[in-house]
């Protein structure tokens, strides 16, 4: 199939890498090789996550390339195994007997050609990792057979080895199975990584699938056997000859959630489940992709809730400030109204004093000494002017604070006089506050 760089670029950024691979009949490593050779940028997982959440995204522009030519996808397709279609369930033909009364042998079907999913019967170790793995397994078994000897049967010390844990006699088979899984994973575009511990005594094996590190291990299934030779109950572990391949689904704080990808059973062997193991690795990567999307959505929800909570707190703060401001205005208005009522009462009292002085003058004229009456009237006029809020005449003996006591003799404390206690200032009501209280009516 022929396709141009521009069409392949638009198809990948519109449909995704997975759909593009299926449409072109390619695999991930084959499509990656084409993109690398023709300088075609590929969308990352963060691009699809942002697009799924409705965030703004930017496409990496397609760079210009000299000698632009069409892409022949057939040139990049590798040899791959074609799955056989399962035959329809039909009754097998009965065996036939020859004239001598013996059954004739049936013709066996032809074997499928070897592929990357077929475990070789014999493996010549050339890779340094496989050599170190074989050396480590034999070294471990040698130490178990002779725990007083720390002699290494090999000249060189193993540096990196696969995570394989089997009993003696299963080393070659385990290495061949793990090597086949390794080769099948690389055919899908995945990579193997080995992490050596700080002390150099252990190694952890990972398969990198879509930027996810999945820990793997090949081990032998142990069998617990009771030892009847002792007088007390004793148990020992023995070899079963059955292998199982473990894949780490997710690492938790207190334990590792491992998944058995494939294992030997009574009727099947792990050598026939290599392709299934690769599918399990992809399923784990898909689950981590989904978990990543869920974590992003949960983080977005948390941010939204945090923003709503912040807005609610801001609204409550503004309401409290507005309430405090209105209460302050009300208090100020009450003080002004109280002052207004008090001044109006002073004016009323001053008017009553002046009227009293006029009637007193009319009544006492001719009955009282004129000079004494004049002084008395002058004194009344001065006190009326002292009480009048518009005149504010100063008095040589009285002060402005004494007006409240004069107008209400039963009140001995005013707002200007506070009695300080250990709990603060005592609340003292003004004259008009006490006068207008309902219980005094």
Protein backbone atom coordinates (compact mmCIF):
# COMPACT_ATOMS: atom_id res chain seq x y z
CA UNK A 1 0.00 0.00 0.00
CA UNK A 2 1.35 3.43 -0.94
CA UNK A 3 0.68 6.50 1.19
CA UNK A 4 2.21 9.99 1.33
CA UNK A 5 3.85 11.58 4.37
CA UNK A 6 1.09 14.17 4.69
CA UNK A 7 -1.71 11.58 4.57
CA UNK A 8 0.01 9.34 7.14
CA UNK A 9 0.60 12.35 9.41
CA UNK A 10 -3.04 13.47 9.23
CA UNK A 11 -4.32 9.92 9.72
CA UNK A 12 -2.25 9.33 12.88
CA UNK A 13 -3.21 12.66 14.49
CA UNK A 14 -6.88 12.17 13.61
CA UNK A 15 -7.52 8.43 14.24
CA UNK A 16 -4.68 7.51 16.58
CA UNK A 17 -1.72 5.17 16.23
CA UNK A 18 -3.71 1.99 16.98
CA UNK A 19 -6.33 2.55 14.28
CA UNK A 20 -3.65 3.64 11.80
CA UNK A 21 -1.70 0.41 12.41
CA UNK A 22 -4.79 -1.71 11.73
CA UNK A 23 -5.77 0.31 8.65
CA UNK A 24 -2.30 -0.07 7.11
CA UNK A 25 -1.73 -3.65 8.31
CA UNK A 26 1.35 -2.66 10.31
CA UNK A 27 2.61 -3.20 13.83
CA UNK A 28 3.87 -0.69 16.35
CA UNK A 29 7.58 -1.22 15.67
CA UNK A 30 7.00 -1.14 11.89
CA UNK A 31 5.04 2.11 12.07
CA UNK A 32 7.67 3.61 14.38
CA UNK A 33 10.39 2.72 11.87
CA UNK A 34 8.45 4.46 9.07
CA UNK A 35 7.89 7.59 11.20
CA UNK A 36 11.58 7.73 12.14
CA UNK A 37 12.76 7.31 8.54
CA UNK A 38 10.33 9.86 7.08
CA UNK A 39 10.52 12.32 10.03
CA UNK A 40 6.82 12.11 10.90
CA UNK A 41 5.95 13.20 14.48
CA UNK A 42 3.61 10.93 16.43
CA UNK A 43 1.01 12.02 19.01
CA UNK A 44 1.87 11.15 22.60
CA UNK A 45 -0.47 9.76 25.26
CA UNK A 46 -0.70 13.20 26.94
CA UNK A 47 -2.13 14.58 23.67
CA UNK A 48 -5.01 12.06 23.72
CA UNK A 49 -5.57 12.53 27.47
CA UNK A 50 -5.91 16.30 27.02
CA UNK A 51 -8.15 15.77 23.98
CA UNK A 52 -10.33 13.34 25.97
CA UNK A 53 -10.73 15.88 28.82
CA UNK A 54 -11.58 18.70 26.42
CA UNK A 55 -8.41 20.71 27.00
CA UNK A 56 -6.72 22.74 24.27
CA UNK A 57 -4.12 20.69 22.37
CA UNK A 58 -1.45 21.51 19.83
CA UNK A 59 -0.29 19.29 17.02
CA UNK A 60 3.40 18.96 16.32
CA UNK A 61 3.85 20.35 12.81
CA UNK A 62 5.15 18.10 10.05
CA UNK A 63 8.72 19.14 9.17
CA UNK A 64 9.77 19.56 5.56
CA UNK A 65 11.90 16.80 4.07
CA UNK A 66 14.03 16.72 1.00
CA UNK A 67 13.47 14.01 -1.55
CA UNK A 68 9.84 13.54 -0.51
CA UNK A 69 8.64 10.20 -1.86
CA UNK A 70 5.61 7.96 -1.26
CA UNK A 71 5.77 5.32 1.46
CA UNK A 72 5.51 1.63 0.44
CA UNK A 73 4.21 -0.10 3.56
CA UNK A 74 4.95 -3.57 2.13
CA UNK A 75 8.67 -2.86 2.43
CA UNK A 76 8.40 -2.55 6.24
CA UNK A 77 6.15 -5.51 7.05
CA UNK A 78 8.03 -8.28 8.83
CA UNK A 79 7.33 -11.98 8.62
CA UNK A 80 4.62 -12.91 11.11
CA UNK A 81 2.69 -15.95 12.04
CA UNK A 82 -0.76 -16.41 10.57
CA UNK A 83 -3.25 -17.92 12.96
CA UNK A 84 -4.93 -21.03 11.74
CA UNK A 85 -8.66 -21.06 11.61
CA UNK A 86 -10.18 -23.58 13.95
CA UNK A 87 -11.82 -26.41 12.06
CA UNK A 88 -15.52 -26.86 12.44
CA UNK A 89 -16.43 -29.44 15.06
CA UNK A 90 -16.92 -32.63 13.06
CA UNK A 91 -16.86 -36.23 14.07
CA UNK A 92 -13.43 -37.80 13.57
CA UNK A 93 -13.19 -40.55 11.02
CA UNK A 94 -13.16 -44.00 12.60
CA UNK A 95 -9.96 -45.96 12.38
CA UNK A 96 -9.85 -48.63 9.73
CA UNK A 97 -8.52 -52.16 10.13
CA UNK A 98 -6.36 -53.93 7.58
CA UNK A 99 -7.03 -57.51 6.48
CA UNK A 100 -4.78 -58.72 9.28
CA UNK A 101 -7.15 -57.16 11.84
CA UNK A 102 -4.82 -54.32 12.89
CA UNK A 103 -5.67 -50.60 12.82
CA UNK A 104 -3.98 -48.51 10.13
CA UNK A 105 -1.98 -45.51 11.35
CA UNK A 106 -3.40 -42.06 10.63
CA UNK A 107 -1.48 -39.32 8.87
CA UNK A 108 -0.41 -36.57 11.26
CA UNK A 109 -0.90 -32.91 10.21
CA UNK A 110 2.13 -30.92 9.12
CA UNK A 111 3.78 -28.83 11.84
CA UNK A 112 3.52 -25.05 11.79
CA UNK A 113 6.72 -23.23 10.81
CA UNK A 114 8.77 -21.80 13.68
CA UNK A 115 8.07 -18.17 14.64
CA UNK A 116 9.03 -15.79 17.41
CA UNK A 117 6.40 -17.46 19.62
CA UNK A 118 7.98 -20.92 19.35
CA UNK A 119 10.35 -21.99 22.11
CA UNK A 120 13.48 -23.54 20.58
CA UNK A 121 14.48 -27.02 21.64
CA UNK A 122 18.14 -26.02 21.83
CA UNK A 123 19.47 -22.56 22.57
CA UNK A 124 23.06 -21.53 22.01
CA UNK A 125 23.83 -18.84 24.56
CA UNK A 126 25.51 -15.82 22.99
CA UNK A 127 23.84 -12.92 24.69
CA UNK A 128 25.72 -11.70 27.84
CA UNK A 129 22.46 -11.51 29.81
CA UNK A 130 21.64 -15.15 29.06
CA UNK A 131 25.18 -16.22 29.93
CA UNK A 132 25.05 -14.35 33.23
CA UNK A 133 21.61 -15.85 33.94
CA UNK A 134 22.91 -19.39 33.40
CA UNK A 135 25.96 -18.64 35.53
CA UNK A 136 23.86 -17.21 38.35
CA UNK A 137 21.46 -20.16 38.37
CA UNK A 138 24.26 -22.73 38.46
CA UNK A 139 26.15 -20.72 41.06
CA UNK A 140 23.05 -20.58 43.28
CA UNK A 141 22.41 -24.32 42.97
CA UNK A 142 26.08 -25.05 43.64
CA UNK A 143 25.93 -23.09 46.88
CA UNK A 144 22.74 -24.87 47.90
CA UNK A 145 24.35 -28.28 47.35
CA UNK A 146 27.48 -27.26 49.24
CA UNK A 147 26.64 -24.40 51.63
CA UNK A 148 30.19 -24.39 53.05
CA UNK A 149 31.68 -23.55 49.67
CA UNK A 150 31.46 -20.08 48.17
CA UNK A 151 33.44 -21.02 45.08
CA UNK A 152 32.11 -19.67 41.81
CA UNK A 153 32.21 -22.35 39.06
CA UNK A 154 32.63 -19.58 36.45
CA UNK A 155 35.60 -17.31 35.97
CA UNK A 156 33.61 -14.08 35.63
CA UNK A 157 31.10 -12.73 38.14
CA UNK A 158 27.54 -12.31 36.75
CA UNK A 159 26.54 -8.66 36.33
CA UNK A 160 22.99 -8.69 34.92
CA UNK A 161 20.67 -11.66 34.82
CA UNK A 162 17.01 -12.46 34.27
CA UNK A 163 14.68 -12.89 37.24
CA UNK A 164 14.37 -16.69 37.15
CA UNK A 165 13.85 -18.87 40.21
CA UNK A 166 13.77 -22.61 39.49
CA UNK A 167 15.09 -25.81 41.00
CA UNK A 168 18.06 -27.75 39.74
CA UNK A 169 17.52 -29.34 36.36
CA UNK A 170 15.05 -26.70 35.08
CA UNK A 171 17.62 -24.01 34.23
CA UNK A 172 17.87 -24.65 30.49
CA UNK A 173 14.13 -24.88 29.97
CA UNK A 174 13.46 -21.72 31.98
CA UNK A 175 16.07 -19.74 30.03
CA UNK A 176 14.63 -20.91 26.69
CA UNK A 177 11.10 -19.93 27.73
CA UNK A 178 12.17 -16.51 29.03
CA UNK A 179 14.28 -15.87 25.93
CA UNK A 180 11.28 -16.64 23.69
CA UNK A 181 9.08 -14.25 25.67
CA UNK A 182 11.80 -11.61 25.36
CA UNK A 183 12.04 -12.13 21.59
CA UNK A 184 8.23 -12.00 21.19
CA UNK A 185 8.02 -8.77 23.21
CA UNK A 186 10.68 -7.13 21.05
CA UNK A 187 8.72 -8.09 17.94
CA UNK A 188 5.85 -5.99 19.33
CA UNK A 189 8.15 -3.03 19.93
CA UNK A 190 8.67 -3.57 23.68
CA UNK A 191 12.00 -3.57 25.49
CA UNK A 192 13.64 -5.47 28.32
CA UNK A 193 15.26 -3.66 31.25
CA UNK A 194 17.18 -5.15 34.18
CA UNK A 195 17.71 -3.21 37.40
CA UNK A 196 20.58 -4.35 39.62
CA UNK A 197 20.31 -3.82 43.37
CA UNK A 198 22.79 -1.60 45.20
CA UNK A 199 24.64 -4.54 46.72
CA UNK A 200 24.69 -6.39 43.37
CA UNK A 201 23.13 -9.58 44.80
CA UNK A 202 19.76 -9.41 43.04
CA UNK A 203 18.29 -8.23 39.75
CA UNK A 204 14.74 -7.17 38.86
CA UNK A 205 13.49 -7.66 35.31
CA UNK A 206 11.06 -5.28 33.61
CA UNK A 207 9.33 -5.12 30.25
CA UNK A 208 8.80 -1.54 29.04
CA UNK A 209 5.36 -1.49 27.38
CA UNK A 210 4.22 1.97 26.22
CA UNK A 211 6.49 3.73 28.73
CA UNK A 212 5.22 1.53 31.57
CA UNK A 213 7.65 -0.63 33.56
CA UNK A 214 6.03 -4.03 34.20
CA UNK A 215 8.02 -6.29 36.52
CA UNK A 216 8.15 -9.93 35.38
CA UNK A 217 9.45 -13.14 36.88
CA UNK A 218 9.67 -16.77 35.81
CA UNK A 219 9.61 -19.22 38.70
CA UNK A 220 8.86 -22.83 39.44
CA UNK A 221 5.73 -23.91 41.29
CA UNK A 222 6.75 -25.41 44.63
CA UNK A 223 5.11 -28.35 46.30
CA UNK A 224 4.81 -28.69 50.07
CA UNK A 225 5.49 -32.22 51.34
CA UNK A 226 5.13 -33.44 54.89
CA UNK A 227 8.19 -35.15 56.36
CA UNK A 228 7.04 -38.21 58.35
CA UNK A 229 10.54 -39.16 59.46
CA UNK A 230 10.38 -36.71 62.35
CA UNK A 231 8.38 -37.17 65.53
CA UNK A 232 7.00 -33.66 65.18
CA UNK A 233 5.24 -32.11 62.21
CA UNK A 234 7.76 -31.00 59.58
CA UNK A 235 7.26 -29.74 56.02
CA UNK A 236 9.65 -29.41 53.11
CA UNK A 237 9.45 -27.86 49.66
CA UNK A 238 10.16 -29.92 46.57
CA UNK A 239 10.28 -29.36 42.83
CA UNK A 240 7.21 -29.96 40.67
CA UNK A 241 8.79 -29.26 37.27
CA UNK A 242 5.99 -26.76 36.46
CA UNK A 243 6.80 -23.15 35.54
CA UNK A 244 4.70 -20.01 35.86
CA UNK A 245 5.26 -16.49 34.52
CA UNK A 246 4.29 -13.59 36.81
CA UNK A 247 3.52 -10.01 35.76
CA UNK A 248 3.23 -7.14 38.18
CA UNK A 249 -0.09 -5.36 37.73
CA UNK A 250 0.44 -2.57 40.26
CA UNK A 251 2.83 -1.90 43.14
CA UNK A 252 1.15 -1.11 46.47
CA UNK A 253 2.57 0.04 49.78
CA UNK A 254 2.44 -3.24 51.62
CA UNK A 255 2.30 -5.90 48.89
CA UNK A 256 2.74 -6.50 45.16
CA UNK A 257 -0.32 -7.46 43.17
CA UNK A 258 1.19 -10.04 40.80
CA UNK A 259 -0.75 -11.71 38.04
CA UNK A 260 -0.02 -15.20 36.74
CA UNK A 261 0.14 -14.66 32.99
CA UNK A 262 0.64 -18.35 32.16
CA UNK A 263 1.71 -21.58 33.84
CA UNK A 264 2.10 -25.29 33.28
CA UNK A 265 -0.95 -27.42 33.97
CA UNK A 266 -1.73 -31.11 33.75
CA UNK A 267 -2.63 -30.82 30.07
CA UNK A 268 -0.86 -27.68 28.78
CA UNK A 269 2.67 -26.30 28.80
CA UNK A 270 3.87 -22.74 29.14
CA UNK A 271 5.75 -23.06 25.85
CA UNK A 272 2.40 -22.91 24.03
CA UNK A 273 1.26 -19.71 25.79
CA UNK A 274 3.93 -17.21 24.71
CA UNK A 275 1.53 -15.13 22.63
CA UNK A 276 -0.95 -15.09 25.50
CA UNK A 277 1.77 -13.74 27.81
CA UNK A 278 2.41 -10.84 25.44
CA UNK A 279 -1.34 -10.14 25.35
CA UNK A 280 -1.38 -10.05 29.16
CA UNK A 281 1.44 -7.46 29.13
CA UNK A 282 -0.61 -5.31 26.76
CA UNK A 283 -3.71 -5.71 28.94
CA UNK A 284 -1.73 -4.49 31.97
CA UNK A 285 -0.53 -1.47 29.95
CA UNK A 286 -4.14 -0.77 28.88
CA UNK A 287 -5.26 -0.94 32.51
CA UNK A 288 -2.55 1.54 33.51
CA UNK A 289 -3.63 3.85 30.69
CA UNK A 290 -7.18 3.75 31.99
CA UNK A 291 -5.97 4.33 35.57
CA UNK A 292 -3.94 7.30 34.38
CA UNK A 293 -7.00 8.81 32.69
CA UNK A 294 -9.04 8.24 35.85
CA UNK A 295 -6.33 9.90 37.96
CA UNK A 296 -6.35 12.91 35.66
CA UNK A 297 -10.14 13.13 35.88
CA UNK A 298 -10.03 12.78 39.65
CA UNK A 299 -7.44 15.55 39.85
CA UNK A 300 -9.63 17.77 37.68
CA UNK A 301 -12.61 17.06 39.92
CA UNK A 302 -10.54 17.82 43.01
CA UNK A 303 -9.44 21.15 41.54
CA UNK A 304 -13.04 22.02 40.68
CA UNK A 305 -14.19 21.20 44.20
CA UNK A 306 -11.30 23.23 45.63
CA UNK A 307 -12.26 26.19 43.44
CA UNK A 308 -15.92 25.94 44.47
CA UNK A 309 -14.91 25.75 48.13
CA UNK A 310 -12.67 28.79 47.72
CA UNK A 311 -15.48 30.72 46.02
CA UNK A 312 -17.88 29.78 48.82
CA UNK A 313 -15.41 30.94 51.46
CA UNK A 314 -14.90 34.20 49.57
CA UNK A 315 -18.67 34.70 49.36
CA UNK A 316 -19.08 34.08 53.08
CA UNK A 317 -16.24 36.47 53.85
CA UNK A 318 -17.81 39.22 51.72
CA UNK A 319 -21.19 38.62 53.36
CA UNK A 320 -19.60 38.85 56.82
CA UNK A 321 -17.82 42.08 55.87
CA UNK A 322 -21.06 43.54 54.47
CA UNK A 323 -22.97 42.51 57.60
CA UNK A 324 -20.31 44.07 59.84
CA UNK A 325 -20.37 47.26 57.76
CA UNK A 326 -24.19 47.51 57.98
CA UNK A 327 -24.07 46.83 61.73
CA UNK A 328 -21.50 49.59 62.17
CA UNK A 329 -23.71 51.99 60.20
CA UNK A 330 -26.69 50.99 62.33
CA UNK A 331 -24.73 51.58 65.52
CA UNK A 332 -23.58 54.96 64.26
CA UNK A 333 -27.17 55.84 63.33
CA UNK A 334 -28.43 54.79 66.74
CA UNK A 335 -25.87 57.05 68.38
CA UNK A 336 -26.94 59.96 66.17
CA UNK A 337 -30.64 59.36 66.86
CA UNK A 338 -29.95 59.08 70.59
CA UNK A 339 -28.07 62.37 70.46
CA UNK A 340 -30.97 63.91 68.50
CA UNK A 341 -33.52 62.80 71.08
CA UNK A 342 -31.37 64.04 73.91
CA UNK A 343 -30.83 67.45 72.27
CA UNK A 344 -34.56 67.77 71.58
CA UNK A 345 -35.27 67.03 75.24
CA UNK A 346 -32.77 69.67 76.28
CA UNK A 347 -34.44 72.20 73.99
CA UNK A 348 -37.84 71.28 75.40
CA UNK A 349 -36.54 71.63 78.98
CA UNK A 350 -34.94 74.99 78.20
CA UNK A 351 -38.24 76.22 76.73
CA UNK A 352 -40.13 75.08 79.82
CA UNK A 353 -37.63 76.94 82.04
CA UNK A 354 -38.08 80.15 80.05
CA UNK A 355 -41.88 79.87 80.28
CA UNK A 356 -41.59 79.24 83.98
CA UNK A 357 -39.33 82.31 84.37
CA UNK A 358 -41.92 84.50 82.58
CA UNK A 359 -44.76 83.28 84.79
CA UNK A 360 -42.58 83.56 87.87
CA UNK A 361 -41.77 87.17 87.01
CA UNK A 362 -45.47 88.01 86.55
CA UNK A 363 -46.45 86.35 89.80
CA UNK A 364 -43.62 87.62 92.00
CA UNK A 365 -43.69 91.25 90.81
CA UNK A 366 -44.70 93.39 93.76
CA UNK A 367 -44.30 90.54 96.18
CA UNK A 368 -40.54 90.22 96.08
CA UNK A 369 -37.64 92.59 96.28
CA UNK A 370 -37.04 93.92 92.73
CA UNK A 371 -33.25 93.37 92.86
CA UNK A 372 -33.64 89.85 94.24
CA UNK A 373 -36.26 89.06 91.59
CA UNK A 374 -33.99 90.39 88.86
CA UNK A 375 -31.08 88.23 90.05
CA UNK A 376 -33.32 85.17 90.24
CA UNK A 377 -34.65 85.72 86.71
CA UNK A 378 -31.08 86.30 85.41
CA UNK A 379 -30.01 83.00 87.00
CA UNK A 380 -32.94 81.16 85.36
CA UNK A 381 -32.07 82.65 81.99
CA UNK A 382 -28.43 81.53 82.31
CA UNK A 383 -29.41 77.97 83.23
CA UNK A 384 -31.89 77.79 80.33
CA UNK A 385 -29.14 78.94 77.98
CA UNK A 386 -26.81 76.34 79.53
CA UNK A 387 -29.34 73.54 78.83
CA UNK A 388 -30.34 74.85 75.36
CA UNK A 389 -28.38 72.75 72.73
CA UNK A 390 -28.27 75.68 70.27
CA UNK A 391 -26.66 78.17 72.70
CA UNK A 392 -24.17 75.95 74.57
CA UNK A 393 -23.50 78.58 77.23
CA UNK A 394 -20.74 77.66 79.63
CA UNK A 395 -21.49 77.43 83.32
CA UNK A 396 -18.84 78.23 85.94
CA UNK A 397 -19.85 75.33 88.18
CA UNK A 398 -21.59 72.72 85.97
CA UNK A 399 -20.34 70.75 83.00
CA UNK A 400 -22.06 69.31 79.94
CA UNK A 401 -21.96 65.83 81.47
CA UNK A 402 -24.09 67.04 84.39
CA UNK A 403 -27.06 67.72 82.12
CA UNK A 404 -27.92 64.00 81.97
CA UNK A 405 -27.89 63.76 85.75
CA UNK A 406 -30.04 66.87 86.02
CA UNK A 407 -32.58 65.69 83.47
CA UNK A 408 -32.76 62.20 85.04
CA UNK A 409 -31.72 62.29 88.69
CA UNK A 410 -32.27 58.54 89.13
CA UNK A 411 -29.44 57.78 86.60
CA UNK A 412 -26.10 58.14 88.31
CA UNK A 413 -23.92 56.80 85.48
CA UNK A 414 -23.75 58.09 81.88
CA UNK A 415 -22.13 56.78 78.71
CA UNK A 416 -19.02 58.81 79.47
CA UNK A 417 -18.63 57.10 82.89
CA UNK A 418 -17.60 53.45 82.66
CA UNK A 419 -16.79 51.14 85.54
CA UNK A 420 -13.85 48.90 84.62
CA UNK A 421 -13.98 45.33 85.91
CA UNK A 422 -11.87 42.21 85.43
CA UNK A 423 -14.16 41.24 82.53
CA UNK A 424 -13.82 44.59 80.77
CA UNK A 425 -15.93 47.73 80.78
CA UNK A 426 -19.42 47.50 82.28
CA UNK A 427 -22.25 48.23 79.85
CA UNK A 428 -23.91 51.50 80.87
CA UNK A 429 -27.05 52.71 79.11
CA UNK A 430 -27.73 56.36 78.33
CA UNK A 431 -30.65 58.31 79.65
CA UNK A 432 -32.80 57.86 76.55
CA UNK A 433 -32.01 54.16 76.27
CA UNK A 434 -33.29 53.61 79.81
CA UNK A 435 -36.23 55.93 79.38
CA UNK A 436 -37.49 54.12 76.28
CA UNK A 437 -37.12 50.60 77.71
CA UNK A 438 -40.42 48.77 77.61
CA UNK A 439 -40.22 47.41 81.16
CA UNK A 440 -40.07 50.94 82.56
CA UNK A 441 -43.39 51.91 80.98
